[in-house]
Amino acid sequence: MPESDVPFGESMAAMYEMQSEGKIQHVGISNVNPEEVEIALSMGEVATIENLFGHRQRTTVTFAHEGENGGGVKVLSLCEANDIAFWF
């Protein structure tokens, strides 16, 4: 997830709260690393993940302006294991 002053877990808690209030139907996440996927899954169901998955993103790469992508393959395997739709 892009850098933010708000911790990832706090952002996810707000999303799941909006879902429980009926304001949104599904929770999806994007630009996440495997650790962030695990955090989200520990809090509730994830409907979809949208990450880059081009040749360059299939392994862990550190970008000067975006941080580390965490490796697309690692996130994809979590999606497969948890029946989460993966978009790229």
C-alpha atoms as a PDB file:
ATOM      1  CA  MET A   1       0.000   0.000   0.000  1.00  0.00           C
ATOM      2  CA  PRO A   2       1.360   3.467  -0.793  1.00  0.00           C
ATOM      3  CA  GLU A   3       2.933   5.305   2.102  1.00  0.00           C
ATOM      4  CA  SER A   4       0.433   6.895   4.446  1.00  0.00           C
ATOM      5  CA  ASP A   5       0.404   8.519   7.855  1.00  0.00           C
ATOM      6  CA  VAL A   6      -2.408   6.112   8.798  1.00  0.00           C
ATOM      7  CA  PRO A   7      -1.300   2.595   9.753  1.00  0.00           C
ATOM      8  CA  PHE A   8      -2.570  -0.130   7.407  1.00  0.00           C
ATOM      9  CA  GLY A   9      -4.455  -1.945  10.179  1.00  0.00           C
ATOM     10  CA  GLU A  10      -6.261   1.251  11.129  1.00  0.00           C
ATOM     11  CA  SER A  11      -7.311   1.835   7.509  1.00  0.00           C
ATOM     12  CA  MET A  12      -8.589  -1.739   7.267  1.00  0.00           C
ATOM     13  CA  ALA A  13     -10.502  -1.406  10.545  1.00  0.00           C
ATOM     14  CA  ALA A  14     -12.299   1.609   9.068  1.00  0.00           C
ATOM     15  CA  MET A  15     -13.153  -0.357   5.904  1.00  0.00           C
ATOM     16  CA  TYR A  16     -14.572  -3.304   7.864  1.00  0.00           C
ATOM     17  CA  GLU A  17     -16.537  -0.898  10.082  1.00  0.00           C
ATOM     18  CA  MET A  18     -18.100   0.686   6.990  1.00  0.00           C
ATOM     19  CA  GLN A  19     -18.915  -2.799   5.725  1.00  0.00           C
ATOM     20  CA  SER A  20     -20.619  -3.751   8.992  1.00  0.00           C
ATOM     21  CA  GLU A  21     -22.631  -0.508   8.817  1.00  0.00           C
ATOM     22  CA  GLY A  22     -23.823  -1.426   5.317  1.00  0.00           C
ATOM     23  CA  LYS A  23     -22.022   1.477   3.648  1.00  0.00           C
ATOM     24  CA  ILE A  24     -19.965  -0.817   1.420  1.00  0.00           C
ATOM     25  CA  GLN A  25     -20.655  -4.373   0.322  1.00  0.00           C
ATOM     26  CA  HIS A  26     -17.144  -5.776  -0.179  1.00  0.00           C
ATOM     27  CA  VAL A  27     -13.640  -4.917   0.969  1.00  0.00           C
ATOM     28  CA  GLY A  28     -10.850  -4.912  -1.601  1.00  0.00           C
ATOM     29  CA  ILE A  29      -7.234  -3.880  -1.248  1.00  0.00           C
ATOM     30  CA  SER A  30      -4.530  -2.784  -3.667  1.00  0.00           C
ATOM     31  CA  ASN A  31      -0.777  -2.277  -3.833  1.00  0.00           C
ATOM     32  CA  VAL A  32      -0.227  -4.509  -0.818  1.00  0.00           C
ATOM     33  CA  ASN A  33       2.553  -6.779   0.304  1.00  0.00           C
ATOM     34  CA  PRO A  34       2.014 -10.241   1.836  1.00  0.00           C
ATOM     35  CA  GLU A  35       2.119  -8.941   5.412  1.00  0.00           C
ATOM     36  CA  GLU A  36      -0.656  -6.438   4.668  1.00  0.00           C
ATOM     37  CA  VAL A  37      -2.751  -9.192   3.070  1.00  0.00           C
ATOM     38  CA  GLU A  38      -2.384 -11.245   6.258  1.00  0.00           C
ATOM     39  CA  ILE A  39      -3.429  -8.246   8.387  1.00  0.00           C
ATOM     40  CA  ALA A  40      -6.529  -7.701   6.269  1.00  0.00           C
ATOM     41  CA  LEU A  41      -7.435 -11.402   6.336  1.00  0.00           C
ATOM     42  CA  SER A  42      -7.110 -11.463  10.119  1.00  0.00           C
ATOM     43  CA  MET A  43      -9.761  -8.736  10.307  1.00  0.00           C
ATOM     44  CA  GLY A  44     -12.305 -10.021   7.802  1.00  0.00           C
ATOM     45  CA  GLU A  45     -12.981 -11.249   4.291  1.00  0.00           C
ATOM     46  CA  VAL A  46     -11.131  -9.707   1.354  1.00  0.00           C
ATOM     47  CA  ALA A  47     -13.089  -9.800  -1.901  1.00  0.00           C
ATOM     48  CA  THR A  48     -10.310  -8.784  -4.269  1.00  0.00           C
ATOM     49  CA  ILE A  49      -6.701  -7.652  -4.455  1.00  0.00           C
ATOM     50  CA  GLU A  50      -5.373  -5.418  -7.210  1.00  0.00           C
ATOM     51  CA  ASN A  51      -1.584  -5.437  -7.516  1.00  0.00           C
ATOM     52  CA  LEU A  52       0.808  -5.023 -10.379  1.00  0.00           C
ATOM     53  CA  PHE A  53       1.839  -8.379 -11.790  1.00  0.00           C
ATOM     54  CA  GLY A  54       4.012  -7.625 -14.778  1.00  0.00           C
ATOM     55  CA  HIS A  55       7.333  -9.392 -15.262  1.00  0.00           C
ATOM     56  CA  ARG A  56       9.158  -6.844 -13.110  1.00  0.00           C
ATOM     57  CA  GLN A  57       6.674  -7.136 -10.231  1.00  0.00           C
ATOM     58  CA  ARG A  58       6.817 -10.923  -9.888  1.00  0.00           C
ATOM     59  CA  THR A  59       9.774 -10.702  -7.541  1.00  0.00           C
ATOM     60  CA  THR A  60      10.457  -8.320  -4.699  1.00  0.00           C
ATOM     61  CA  VAL A  61      11.584  -5.027  -6.166  1.00  0.00           C
ATOM     62  CA  THR A  62      12.363  -1.802  -4.338  1.00  0.00           C
ATOM     63  CA  PHE A  63      11.143   1.287  -6.173  1.00  0.00           C
ATOM     64  CA  ALA A  64      12.640   4.696  -5.390  1.00  0.00           C
ATOM     65  CA  HIS A  65       9.241   6.396  -5.204  1.00  0.00           C
ATOM     66  CA  GLU A  66       6.897   3.528  -4.265  1.00  0.00           C
ATOM     67  CA  GLY A  67       8.730   1.452  -1.675  1.00  0.00           C
ATOM     68  CA  GLU A  68       8.844  -2.314  -1.951  1.00  0.00           C
ATOM     69  CA  ASN A  69       6.183  -4.272  -3.833  1.00  0.00           C
ATOM     70  CA  GLY A  70       6.667  -7.398  -1.728  1.00  0.00           C
ATOM     71  CA  GLY A  71       6.709  -9.730  -4.674  1.00  0.00           C
ATOM     72  CA  GLY A  72       3.628 -10.330  -6.807  1.00  0.00           C
ATOM     73  CA  VAL A  73       4.019 -14.102  -6.644  1.00  0.00           C
ATOM     74  CA  LYS A  74       3.849 -14.059  -2.843  1.00  0.00           C
ATOM     75  CA  VAL A  75       0.618 -12.069  -2.901  1.00  0.00           C
ATOM     76  CA  LEU A  76      -0.802 -14.227  -5.691  1.00  0.00           C
ATOM     77  CA  SER A  77      -0.215 -17.395  -3.669  1.00  0.00           C
ATOM     78  CA  LEU A  78      -2.109 -15.861  -0.730  1.00  0.00           C
ATOM     79  CA  CYS A  79      -4.977 -15.040  -3.085  1.00  0.00           C
ATOM     80  CA  GLU A  80      -5.081 -18.601  -4.379  1.00  0.00           C
ATOM     81  CA  ALA A  81      -4.990 -20.062  -0.866  1.00  0.00           C
ATOM     82  CA  ASN A  82      -7.850 -17.818   0.301  1.00  0.00           C
ATOM     83  CA  ASP A  83     -10.050 -17.758  -2.857  1.00  0.00           C
ATOM     84  CA  ILE A  84      -9.477 -14.031  -3.392  1.00  0.00           C
ATOM     85  CA  ALA A  85      -9.855 -12.527  -6.855  1.00  0.00           C
ATOM     86  CA  PHE A  86      -6.551 -11.056  -8.084  1.00  0.00           C
ATOM     87  CA  TRP A  87      -6.514  -8.190 -10.602  1.00  0.00           C
ATOM     88  CA  PHE A  88      -3.483  -6.736 -12.311  1.00  0.00           C
END
